[in-house]
């Protein structure tokens, strides 16, 4: 249970994110936030990760709840599909758009149907139902596309400005909104996809998708976020080189799922702890 008041000498870190931060597939105490908290001491990590959230919903959640904890540092865990989640039209999620360079909430979420509410209740309160529902969706995806390449062709083309500029500009605006809200520093932590750290998976995706490798830049999202962060004086942590280094030592991703294993969360938690310790020294 989160407490608004904090003890003397305690630092607070609010963490925003999607299912990677929520901790899909692992126990609560195995999530990278919990790993970092146990490694540090005298620092509370408030995990506000929500399954399937994009930067737009994370912004609204931080505005409504996250700021109340008065964190010394805010961490936003970013996964590459966030850029399309932010731009996706969905009547059940907030839809932001840039109009003349300004951010507007153009669509407010509609109430869920009774059937949808029942399904959400079952997923929230019965772990077995959530697990089976997720696995059935995954099996359907694999059946429809057995050579699933995680849509990497949409995210990692070199000429991203021609393909995803609208998505990126909206995402950058949302990140700036979160940074403006935070009275203390923001750290964007990039979580790599398996394709970025495992060469065999990348080569298989190239073959199945039949895209030209010369047109790809597998580190395009990393570079865009790093450049954006530096331009806006936002701290940036890219987990990719750490994951590439340890990829052949232990399984960092589930076999049929791109989410992090216990080992993946542990590695992310240790690296995050080191970065947070470094940043907290300065304020």
Protein backbone atom coordinates (compact mmCIF):
# COMPACT_ATOMS: atom_id res chain seq x y z
CA UNK A 1 0.00 0.00 0.00
CA UNK A 2 1.47 3.35 -1.05
CA UNK A 3 1.77 6.08 1.59
CA UNK A 4 1.78 9.76 0.59
CA UNK A 5 3.94 10.78 3.56
CA UNK A 6 7.52 9.58 3.59
CA UNK A 7 9.99 8.94 6.36
CA UNK A 8 12.95 11.15 7.18
CA UNK A 9 16.01 10.52 5.01
CA UNK A 10 14.04 8.47 2.47
CA UNK A 11 14.29 9.13 -1.27
CA UNK A 12 11.41 8.33 -3.58
CA UNK A 13 11.39 7.18 -7.20
CA UNK A 14 8.15 6.98 -9.20
CA UNK A 15 8.33 4.53 -12.11
CA UNK A 16 5.99 4.79 -15.10
CA UNK A 17 5.62 2.13 -17.78
CA UNK A 18 3.58 -0.62 -19.41
CA UNK A 19 3.50 -4.41 -18.94
CA UNK A 20 7.30 -4.55 -18.63
CA UNK A 21 7.10 -2.32 -15.58
CA UNK A 22 3.88 -3.94 -14.34
CA UNK A 23 5.85 -7.19 -14.34
CA UNK A 24 4.16 -9.55 -16.78
CA UNK A 25 5.33 -13.14 -16.22
CA UNK A 26 7.25 -12.65 -12.97
CA UNK A 27 6.43 -12.34 -9.28
CA UNK A 28 6.03 -8.91 -7.72
CA UNK A 29 9.34 -9.01 -5.85
CA UNK A 30 11.15 -9.97 -9.07
CA UNK A 31 10.17 -6.82 -11.02
CA UNK A 32 13.11 -4.54 -11.81
CA UNK A 33 11.74 -1.77 -9.55
CA UNK A 34 11.70 -4.14 -6.59
CA UNK A 35 15.19 -5.40 -7.44
CA UNK A 36 16.53 -1.84 -7.49
CA UNK A 37 14.80 -0.96 -4.22
CA UNK A 38 16.22 -4.00 -2.41
CA UNK A 39 19.69 -3.25 -3.77
CA UNK A 40 19.65 0.38 -2.63
CA UNK A 41 18.05 0.83 0.76
CA UNK A 42 16.53 4.11 2.02
CA UNK A 43 14.95 4.57 -1.41
CA UNK A 44 11.31 3.77 -2.15
CA UNK A 45 10.31 2.81 -5.68
CA UNK A 46 6.65 3.41 -6.52
CA UNK A 47 5.76 1.14 -9.41
CA UNK A 48 2.92 2.78 -11.38
CA UNK A 49 3.33 0.50 -14.39
CA UNK A 50 0.05 -0.58 -16.03
CA UNK A 51 -0.33 -3.34 -18.59
CA UNK A 52 -0.79 -2.02 -22.18
CA UNK A 53 -0.31 1.64 -21.22
CA UNK A 54 1.33 4.09 -23.59
CA UNK A 55 3.12 7.35 -22.83
CA UNK A 56 -0.22 9.20 -23.10
CA UNK A 57 -1.82 7.19 -20.29
CA UNK A 58 1.39 7.31 -18.25
CA UNK A 59 1.32 11.10 -18.51
CA UNK A 60 -2.26 11.27 -17.22
CA UNK A 61 -1.50 8.80 -14.42
CA UNK A 62 1.55 10.76 -13.35
CA UNK A 63 -0.48 13.97 -13.39
CA UNK A 64 -3.28 12.45 -11.31
CA UNK A 65 -1.33 10.26 -8.90
CA UNK A 66 2.43 10.11 -9.40
CA UNK A 67 3.17 13.71 -8.43
CA UNK A 68 1.44 13.24 -5.07
CA UNK A 69 4.33 11.08 -3.86
CA UNK A 70 6.79 13.99 -4.30
CA UNK A 71 9.51 11.83 -5.87
CA UNK A 72 13.14 12.91 -6.00
CA UNK A 73 13.28 11.19 -9.39
CA UNK A 74 10.78 9.97 -11.98
CA UNK A 75 11.66 7.01 -14.20
CA UNK A 76 9.78 6.36 -17.44
CA UNK A 77 10.40 2.86 -18.80
CA UNK A 78 10.07 3.11 -22.59
CA UNK A 79 9.49 0.23 -25.00
CA UNK A 80 9.62 0.79 -28.76
CA UNK A 81 5.92 0.03 -29.40
CA UNK A 82 4.94 3.00 -27.21
CA UNK A 83 5.17 5.31 -30.22
CA UNK A 84 2.35 3.50 -32.03
CA UNK A 85 0.32 2.98 -28.85
CA UNK A 86 0.38 6.74 -28.37
CA UNK A 87 -0.92 7.39 -31.89
CA UNK A 88 -3.45 4.54 -31.98
CA UNK A 89 -7.12 5.51 -32.27
CA UNK A 90 -9.03 3.72 -29.54
CA UNK A 91 -12.30 4.85 -28.03
CA UNK A 92 -11.36 3.24 -24.70
CA UNK A 93 -8.10 5.14 -24.25
CA UNK A 94 -7.19 8.85 -24.35
CA UNK A 95 -6.19 10.09 -27.80
CA UNK A 96 -3.81 13.03 -27.95
CA UNK A 97 -2.91 14.89 -31.12
CA UNK A 98 -0.57 17.74 -31.99
CA UNK A 99 -2.45 20.65 -33.53
CA UNK A 100 -0.34 23.61 -34.68
CA UNK A 101 2.46 22.31 -32.47
CA UNK A 102 0.30 22.12 -29.32
CA UNK A 103 -0.86 18.97 -27.55
CA UNK A 104 -4.61 18.41 -27.30
CA UNK A 105 -6.69 15.59 -25.82
CA UNK A 106 -8.99 15.00 -28.78
CA UNK A 107 -10.81 11.88 -27.54
CA UNK A 108 -11.66 10.96 -23.95
CA UNK A 109 -12.10 7.27 -23.14
CA UNK A 110 -15.62 5.85 -23.43
CA UNK A 111 -17.03 3.62 -20.65
CA UNK A 112 -16.47 -0.10 -21.15
CA UNK A 113 -19.35 -2.44 -21.93
CA UNK A 114 -20.64 -4.85 -19.26
CA UNK A 115 -18.89 -7.74 -21.00
CA UNK A 116 -15.60 -5.84 -21.14
CA UNK A 117 -15.90 -4.86 -17.46
CA UNK A 118 -16.48 -8.51 -16.52
CA UNK A 119 -13.43 -9.59 -18.49
CA UNK A 120 -11.31 -6.89 -16.84
CA UNK A 121 -12.58 -7.98 -13.39
CA UNK A 122 -11.65 -11.60 -14.08
CA UNK A 123 -8.22 -10.62 -15.41
CA UNK A 124 -7.56 -8.43 -12.38
CA UNK A 125 -8.77 -10.87 -9.71
CA UNK A 126 -8.05 -14.31 -11.16
CA UNK A 127 -4.46 -14.90 -12.24
CA UNK A 128 -5.27 -18.14 -14.08
CA UNK A 129 -7.88 -16.36 -16.24
CA UNK A 130 -5.39 -13.59 -17.04
CA UNK A 131 -2.74 -16.15 -17.95
CA UNK A 132 -5.06 -18.17 -20.21
CA UNK A 133 -6.49 -15.06 -21.87
CA UNK A 134 -2.99 -13.84 -22.66
CA UNK A 135 -1.80 -17.23 -23.90
CA UNK A 136 -4.83 -17.67 -26.19
CA UNK A 137 -4.15 -14.24 -27.71
CA UNK A 138 -0.49 -15.15 -28.17
CA UNK A 139 -1.34 -18.50 -29.78
CA UNK A 140 -3.76 -16.80 -32.16
CA UNK A 141 -1.04 -14.35 -33.12
CA UNK A 142 1.44 -17.16 -33.75
CA UNK A 143 -1.17 -19.12 -35.73
CA UNK A 144 -1.95 -16.12 -37.93
CA UNK A 145 1.72 -15.24 -38.30
CA UNK A 146 3.99 -18.16 -37.28
CA UNK A 147 7.09 -16.18 -38.34
CA UNK A 148 6.12 -13.25 -36.15
CA UNK A 149 8.88 -10.63 -36.38
CA UNK A 150 7.40 -8.30 -33.75
CA UNK A 151 6.61 -5.72 -36.43
CA UNK A 152 10.22 -4.58 -36.43
CA UNK A 153 9.95 -3.28 -40.01
CA UNK A 154 7.60 -0.57 -38.74
CA UNK A 155 9.94 0.66 -36.03
CA UNK A 156 13.48 0.30 -37.26
CA UNK A 157 13.72 1.72 -40.77
CA UNK A 158 16.47 4.29 -41.26
CA UNK A 159 14.05 6.74 -42.89
CA UNK A 160 11.85 6.88 -39.79
CA UNK A 161 10.85 10.49 -40.52
CA UNK A 162 8.96 9.35 -43.61
CA UNK A 163 7.18 6.52 -41.80
CA UNK A 164 6.75 7.40 -38.14
CA UNK A 165 7.38 11.12 -37.79
CA UNK A 166 3.84 11.88 -36.58
CA UNK A 167 4.07 9.11 -33.99
CA UNK A 168 7.47 10.28 -32.75
CA UNK A 169 6.54 13.96 -32.60
CA UNK A 170 3.46 13.13 -30.51
CA UNK A 171 5.53 10.90 -28.23
CA UNK A 172 8.18 13.58 -27.74
CA UNK A 173 5.49 16.10 -26.83
CA UNK A 174 4.06 13.72 -24.22
CA UNK A 175 7.52 13.10 -22.77
CA UNK A 176 8.04 16.84 -22.49
CA UNK A 177 4.71 17.13 -20.67
CA UNK A 178 5.84 14.55 -18.11
CA UNK A 179 9.17 16.33 -17.74
CA UNK A 180 7.42 19.66 -17.23
CA UNK A 181 5.14 18.17 -14.56
CA UNK A 182 7.98 16.64 -12.60
CA UNK A 183 9.52 19.06 -10.11
CA UNK A 184 12.57 16.80 -10.00
CA UNK A 185 14.57 15.09 -12.77
CA UNK A 186 13.10 12.65 -15.25
CA UNK A 187 15.01 9.56 -16.38
CA UNK A 188 13.91 7.78 -19.58
CA UNK A 189 14.97 4.13 -19.42
CA UNK A 190 14.88 2.34 -22.77
CA UNK A 191 14.04 -1.37 -22.60
CA UNK A 192 15.34 -3.15 -25.73
CA UNK A 193 13.40 -5.70 -27.73
CA UNK A 194 14.86 -9.18 -28.21
CA UNK A 195 15.59 -8.27 -31.85
CA UNK A 196 18.03 -5.61 -30.71
CA UNK A 197 20.08 -7.91 -28.50
CA UNK A 198 19.84 -11.32 -30.19
CA UNK A 199 21.36 -11.59 -33.67
CA UNK A 200 19.71 -14.95 -34.44
CA UNK A 201 16.25 -13.55 -33.79
CA UNK A 202 17.07 -10.51 -35.91
CA UNK A 203 18.25 -12.61 -38.85
CA UNK A 204 15.16 -14.80 -38.65
CA UNK A 205 12.96 -11.70 -38.67
CA UNK A 206 14.79 -10.38 -41.73
CA UNK A 207 14.17 -13.62 -43.62
CA UNK A 208 10.50 -13.92 -42.66
CA UNK A 209 9.68 -10.28 -43.39
CA UNK A 210 11.81 -10.08 -46.56
CA UNK A 211 12.95 -6.54 -45.80
CA UNK A 212 16.24 -5.12 -47.00
CA UNK A 213 18.75 -5.16 -44.14
CA UNK A 214 20.51 -2.14 -45.64
CA UNK A 215 17.37 -0.08 -45.03
CA UNK A 216 17.23 -1.02 -41.35
CA UNK A 217 18.73 0.63 -38.30
CA UNK A 218 18.01 -1.57 -35.29
CA UNK A 219 19.02 1.21 -32.91
CA UNK A 220 16.87 3.92 -34.44
CA UNK A 221 14.52 4.31 -31.40
CA UNK A 222 17.51 4.42 -29.04
CA UNK A 223 19.19 7.15 -31.07
CA UNK A 224 16.02 9.22 -31.37
CA UNK A 225 15.34 9.05 -27.63
CA UNK A 226 18.95 9.80 -26.71
CA UNK A 227 19.05 12.84 -28.98
CA UNK A 228 15.68 14.03 -27.69
CA UNK A 229 16.77 13.56 -24.06
CA UNK A 230 20.02 15.46 -24.55
CA UNK A 231 18.22 18.31 -26.32
CA UNK A 232 15.72 18.66 -23.46
CA UNK A 233 18.16 18.03 -20.57
CA UNK A 234 16.44 14.77 -19.62
CA UNK A 235 18.48 11.87 -18.27
CA UNK A 236 18.61 8.78 -20.47
CA UNK A 237 19.50 5.15 -19.72
CA UNK A 238 19.74 2.67 -22.59
CA UNK A 239 19.65 -0.95 -21.37
CA UNK A 240 20.54 -2.32 -24.82
CA UNK A 241 24.34 -2.67 -24.45
CA UNK A 242 23.93 -4.38 -21.06
CA UNK A 243 21.39 -6.82 -22.48
CA UNK A 244 23.55 -7.55 -25.53
CA UNK A 245 26.48 -8.34 -23.25
CA UNK A 246 24.51 -10.81 -21.09
CA UNK A 247 22.21 -12.20 -23.79
CA UNK A 248 24.09 -15.49 -24.21
CA UNK A 249 24.63 -16.04 -20.48
CA UNK A 250 21.02 -16.44 -19.33
CA UNK A 251 17.60 -16.15 -21.04
CA UNK A 252 16.58 -12.51 -20.67
CA UNK A 253 13.27 -12.94 -22.57
CA UNK A 254 10.62 -15.65 -22.48
CA UNK A 255 10.84 -18.16 -25.31
CA UNK A 256 7.54 -17.27 -27.01
CA UNK A 257 7.10 -13.83 -25.56
CA UNK A 258 9.17 -10.66 -25.69
CA UNK A 259 8.66 -9.86 -22.00
CA UNK A 260 11.54 -10.06 -19.54
CA UNK A 261 12.33 -13.16 -17.53
CA UNK A 262 13.40 -13.04 -13.89
CA UNK A 263 17.00 -12.73 -15.12
CA UNK A 264 16.02 -9.87 -17.45
CA UNK A 265 14.33 -7.98 -14.62
CA UNK A 266 17.29 -8.59 -12.31
CA UNK A 267 19.73 -7.18 -14.85
CA UNK A 268 17.51 -4.16 -15.53
CA UNK A 269 17.05 -3.59 -11.78
CA UNK A 270 20.77 -3.65 -11.03
CA UNK A 271 21.59 -1.24 -13.88
CA UNK A 272 18.73 1.05 -12.84
CA UNK A 273 19.95 1.01 -9.24
CA UNK A 274 23.41 2.14 -10.30
CA UNK A 275 21.97 4.97 -12.42
CA UNK A 276 19.59 6.14 -9.69
CA UNK A 277 22.38 6.14 -7.12
CA UNK A 278 24.48 8.25 -9.45
CA UNK A 279 21.67 10.75 -10.05
CA UNK A 280 20.59 11.04 -6.41
CA UNK A 281 24.09 12.17 -5.44
CA UNK A 282 23.53 15.37 -7.40
CA UNK A 283 20.37 16.50 -5.58
